[in-house]
Amino acid sequence: MRGAIIRSPVNHSKPLSREEIADFVRRLDSYGGNRTTAIALRLLLLTFVRTVEMRKAEWSEFNFDQPEWRIPAAKMKMRRIHIVPLARSTVDLLLELRQITGAGRWLFPNTRRPHDVMSATTVNRVLEYMGYASGAVTGHDFRATASTRLHEMGFRSEFIELQLAHVERNRVKTAYNHADYLPERRQMVQAWADWLDGIAAADKGSVR
């Protein structure tokens, strides 16, 4: 039977270039659909969590005084609590979102089933609605984008890997406190948000 089954090519996540990020932000700003979905996409770019982690986010997991998002271990791929520091622009988006969905449990409730969360296909469907070919850009690509650009910006790999919730499989190396490098990661996510803001501002200036 060897050779009888042809496997589809593996679709690895790919980082977006600076120009592609500017194009994405431009398209998102022009998106006329559900505001909560637009916020979800922007938060994926800002926080670079997995799409499933964003979809299943609950308001009880957020602390706006710190500010941070603590994702319970049960929701994480590696079954470790994950702390996501929040940049100022991220907090602004979350506060806007709280005016829309804050009365309920979920940040992104399902529009048809309020007691459930946003569908797993929603993000990619919206990307297609924004004009991207199917699979050309996916929610997971934002993680690769942040990782690549932050390395280029000179941030240490340990900070980036912790922010991505990647866990070293070596038992000695995994014996770390889940809050390791939190001050450094707070600085990193703010620098990332500022860099994204700079791209958006430059793009708007060139359009004028």
Protein backbone atom coordinates (compact mmCIF):
# COMPACT_ATOMS: atom_id res chain seq x y z
CA MET A 1 0.00 0.00 0.00
CA ARG A 2 3.05 2.24 0.16
CA GLY A 3 2.54 5.26 -2.05
CA ALA A 4 -1.21 4.66 -2.35
CA ILE A 5 -2.03 7.42 0.11
CA ILE A 6 -0.77 10.90 -0.58
CA ARG A 7 -0.53 13.05 2.51
CA SER A 8 -1.46 16.69 2.37
CA PRO A 9 1.48 19.03 2.94
CA VAL A 10 1.93 20.14 6.55
CA ASN A 11 0.83 23.74 7.06
CA HIS A 12 3.50 25.19 9.36
CA SER A 13 2.82 28.52 11.00
CA LYS A 14 4.58 31.36 9.24
CA PRO A 15 5.60 34.77 10.55
CA LEU A 16 4.10 37.85 8.93
CA SER A 17 6.46 40.50 7.62
CA ARG A 18 6.21 44.12 8.74
CA GLU A 19 4.34 44.94 5.53
CA GLU A 20 1.97 42.01 6.05
CA ILE A 21 1.28 43.11 9.61
CA ALA A 22 0.46 46.63 8.38
CA ASP A 23 -1.85 45.12 5.76
CA PHE A 24 -3.54 42.96 8.40
CA VAL A 25 -4.15 45.93 10.70
CA ARG A 26 -5.51 47.94 7.76
CA ARG A 27 -7.93 45.16 6.83
CA LEU A 28 -8.98 44.69 10.44
CA ASP A 29 -9.69 48.40 10.85
CA SER A 30 -11.94 48.19 7.79
CA TYR A 31 -13.71 45.05 8.99
CA GLY A 32 -17.39 45.84 9.41
CA GLY A 33 -18.43 42.66 11.20
CA ASN A 34 -18.93 41.76 14.84
CA ARG A 35 -16.83 44.01 17.08
CA THR A 36 -16.05 41.22 19.55
CA THR A 37 -14.54 39.13 16.75
CA ALA A 38 -12.39 42.04 15.59
CA ILE A 39 -11.16 42.49 19.17
CA ALA A 40 -10.36 38.77 19.37
CA LEU A 41 -8.14 39.02 16.30
CA ARG A 42 -6.32 42.07 17.61
CA LEU A 43 -5.81 40.40 20.99
CA LEU A 44 -4.34 37.34 19.28
CA LEU A 45 -1.77 39.60 17.64
CA LEU A 46 -1.01 41.42 20.91
CA THR A 47 -0.85 38.44 23.27
CA PHE A 48 0.10 35.63 20.82
CA VAL A 49 -1.72 33.01 22.86
CA ARG A 50 -3.21 29.99 21.11
CA THR A 51 -6.58 30.57 19.47
CA VAL A 52 -8.28 28.02 21.74
CA GLU A 53 -6.94 29.84 24.81
CA MET A 54 -8.40 33.10 23.55
CA ARG A 55 -11.75 31.56 22.67
CA LYS A 56 -12.12 29.99 26.12
CA ALA A 57 -10.95 33.02 28.11
CA GLU A 58 -13.09 33.92 31.14
CA TRP A 59 -13.39 37.30 32.81
CA SER A 60 -12.51 35.77 36.18
CA GLU A 61 -9.01 35.01 34.86
CA PHE A 62 -8.09 38.69 34.39
CA ASN A 63 -6.54 41.05 36.90
CA PHE A 64 -6.53 44.63 35.61
CA ASP A 65 -4.61 45.95 38.61
CA GLN A 66 -1.48 43.90 37.82
CA PRO A 67 -2.37 43.79 34.83
CA GLU A 68 -2.27 40.14 33.74
CA TRP A 69 -4.25 37.15 32.53
CA ARG A 70 -3.78 33.87 34.41
CA ILE A 71 -4.84 30.92 32.29
CA PRO A 72 -5.54 27.84 34.45
CA ALA A 73 -3.36 24.78 33.91
CA ALA A 74 -6.35 22.70 32.81
CA LYS A 75 -6.78 24.95 29.76
CA MET A 76 -3.14 24.84 28.70
CA LYS A 77 -1.58 22.41 26.25
CA MET A 78 1.26 21.63 28.67
CA ARG A 79 -1.01 21.61 31.73
CA ARG A 80 0.83 24.46 33.47
CA ILE A 81 -0.70 27.70 34.68
CA HIS A 82 0.24 30.42 32.21
CA ILE A 83 0.60 34.09 33.12
CA VAL A 84 0.12 36.54 30.27
CA PRO A 85 1.25 40.11 31.09
CA LEU A 86 -0.95 42.70 29.42
CA ALA A 87 0.27 45.80 27.58
CA ARG A 88 -1.59 49.09 27.94
CA SER A 89 -3.28 48.83 24.54
CA THR A 90 -4.31 45.26 25.37
CA VAL A 91 -5.98 46.46 28.56
CA ASP A 92 -7.78 49.19 26.61
CA LEU A 93 -9.21 46.60 24.24
CA LEU A 94 -10.26 44.34 27.10
CA LEU A 95 -12.01 47.19 28.87
CA GLU A 96 -13.88 47.96 25.66
CA LEU A 97 -14.80 44.29 25.33
CA ARG A 98 -15.97 44.18 28.95
CA GLN A 99 -18.64 46.73 28.08
CA ILE A 100 -19.96 44.25 25.50
CA THR A 101 -19.57 40.80 27.11
CA GLY A 102 -18.52 41.56 30.68
CA ALA A 103 -21.89 40.61 32.17
CA GLY A 104 -21.29 36.97 31.27
CA ARG A 105 -18.65 34.33 31.93
CA TRP A 106 -16.84 34.33 28.61
CA LEU A 107 -14.95 37.08 26.82
CA PHE A 108 -16.12 35.65 23.50
CA PRO A 109 -19.48 33.92 23.90
CA ASN A 110 -21.02 32.11 20.98
CA THR A 111 -23.52 34.41 19.25
CA ARG A 112 -26.00 31.56 18.81
CA ARG A 113 -25.32 29.71 22.07
CA PRO A 114 -24.53 32.31 24.78
CA HIS A 115 -23.54 29.64 27.29
CA ASP A 116 -20.86 28.34 24.91
CA VAL A 117 -17.74 30.02 23.48
CA MET A 118 -16.86 31.33 20.05
CA SER A 119 -16.65 28.60 17.41
CA ALA A 120 -13.25 27.12 16.58
CA THR A 121 -13.70 28.15 12.94
CA THR A 122 -14.73 31.76 13.56
CA VAL A 123 -11.26 33.34 13.46
CA ASN A 124 -10.28 31.72 10.17
CA ARG A 125 -13.67 32.50 8.63
CA VAL A 126 -13.26 36.17 9.52
CA LEU A 127 -9.76 36.19 8.03
CA GLU A 128 -11.26 34.85 4.80
CA TYR A 129 -13.98 37.52 4.98
CA MET A 130 -11.20 40.10 5.28
CA GLY A 131 -9.91 38.94 1.90
CA TYR A 132 -7.29 36.32 2.78
CA ALA A 133 -7.29 33.07 0.82
CA SER A 134 -8.18 30.02 2.90
CA GLY A 135 -5.17 29.13 5.03
CA ALA A 136 -3.08 32.08 3.81
CA VAL A 137 -3.18 33.60 7.30
CA THR A 138 -4.35 31.72 10.40
CA GLY A 139 -4.73 32.59 14.04
CA HIS A 140 -1.66 30.50 14.85
CA ASP A 141 0.52 32.61 12.54
CA PHE A 142 0.45 35.45 15.08
CA ARG A 143 2.48 33.30 17.49
CA ALA A 144 5.15 32.69 14.86
CA THR A 145 5.09 36.37 13.97
CA ALA A 146 5.66 37.53 17.55
CA SER A 147 8.39 34.95 18.14
CA THR A 148 10.32 35.90 15.00
CA ARG A 149 10.03 39.66 15.41
CA LEU A 150 10.84 39.63 19.15
CA HIS A 151 13.98 37.62 18.47
CA GLU A 152 14.91 40.23 15.86
CA MET A 153 14.28 42.95 18.46
CA GLY A 154 16.87 41.31 20.71
CA PHE A 155 14.71 39.78 23.42
CA ARG A 156 16.07 36.66 25.06
CA SER A 157 14.75 33.35 23.89
CA GLU A 158 13.77 32.35 27.44
CA PHE A 159 11.38 35.29 27.70
CA ILE A 160 9.79 34.56 24.35
CA GLU A 161 9.44 30.82 24.96
CA LEU A 162 7.82 31.41 28.34
CA GLN A 163 5.45 33.92 26.80
CA LEU A 164 4.50 31.32 24.17
CA ALA A 165 3.98 28.74 26.96
CA HIS A 166 6.56 26.46 25.41
CA VAL A 167 7.94 24.07 28.02
CA GLU A 168 11.38 22.49 27.78
CA ARG A 169 10.84 18.74 27.98
CA ASN A 170 14.01 18.14 29.98
CA ARG A 171 12.82 17.63 33.58
CA VAL A 172 15.66 19.68 35.04
CA LYS A 173 14.84 22.65 32.84
CA THR A 174 11.11 22.41 33.51
CA ALA A 175 11.58 22.83 37.26
CA TYR A 176 10.94 26.57 37.07
CA ASN A 177 8.42 28.80 38.78
CA HIS A 178 5.58 29.70 36.42
CA ALA A 179 6.21 33.39 37.18
CA ASP A 180 9.85 33.33 36.04
CA TYR A 181 10.95 36.43 34.14
CA LEU A 182 7.58 38.09 34.67
CA PRO A 183 9.02 41.65 34.98
CA GLU A 184 11.06 41.10 31.83
CA ARG A 185 8.07 39.67 30.00
CA ARG A 186 5.94 42.65 31.02
CA GLN A 187 8.53 44.90 29.41
CA MET A 188 8.64 42.67 26.35
CA VAL A 189 4.89 42.63 25.70
CA GLN A 190 4.74 46.41 26.10
CA ALA A 191 7.58 46.79 23.60
CA TRP A 192 5.71 44.45 21.25
CA ALA A 193 2.50 46.47 21.56
CA ASP A 194 4.42 49.72 21.00
CA TRP A 195 6.08 48.22 17.90
CA LEU A 196 2.71 47.21 16.50
CA ASP A 197 1.31 50.68 17.23
CA GLY A 198 4.27 52.17 15.39
CA ILE A 199 3.56 50.04 12.33
CA ALA A 200 -0.11 51.06 12.34
CA ALA A 201 0.75 54.75 12.76
CA ALA A 202 3.34 54.64 9.95
CA ASP A 203 0.86 52.89 7.66
CA LYS A 204 -1.83 55.49 8.33
CA GLY A 205 0.66 58.25 7.68
CA SER A 206 1.67 56.76 4.33
CA VAL A 207 -1.98 56.40 3.30
CA ARG A 208 -2.46 60.12 3.86
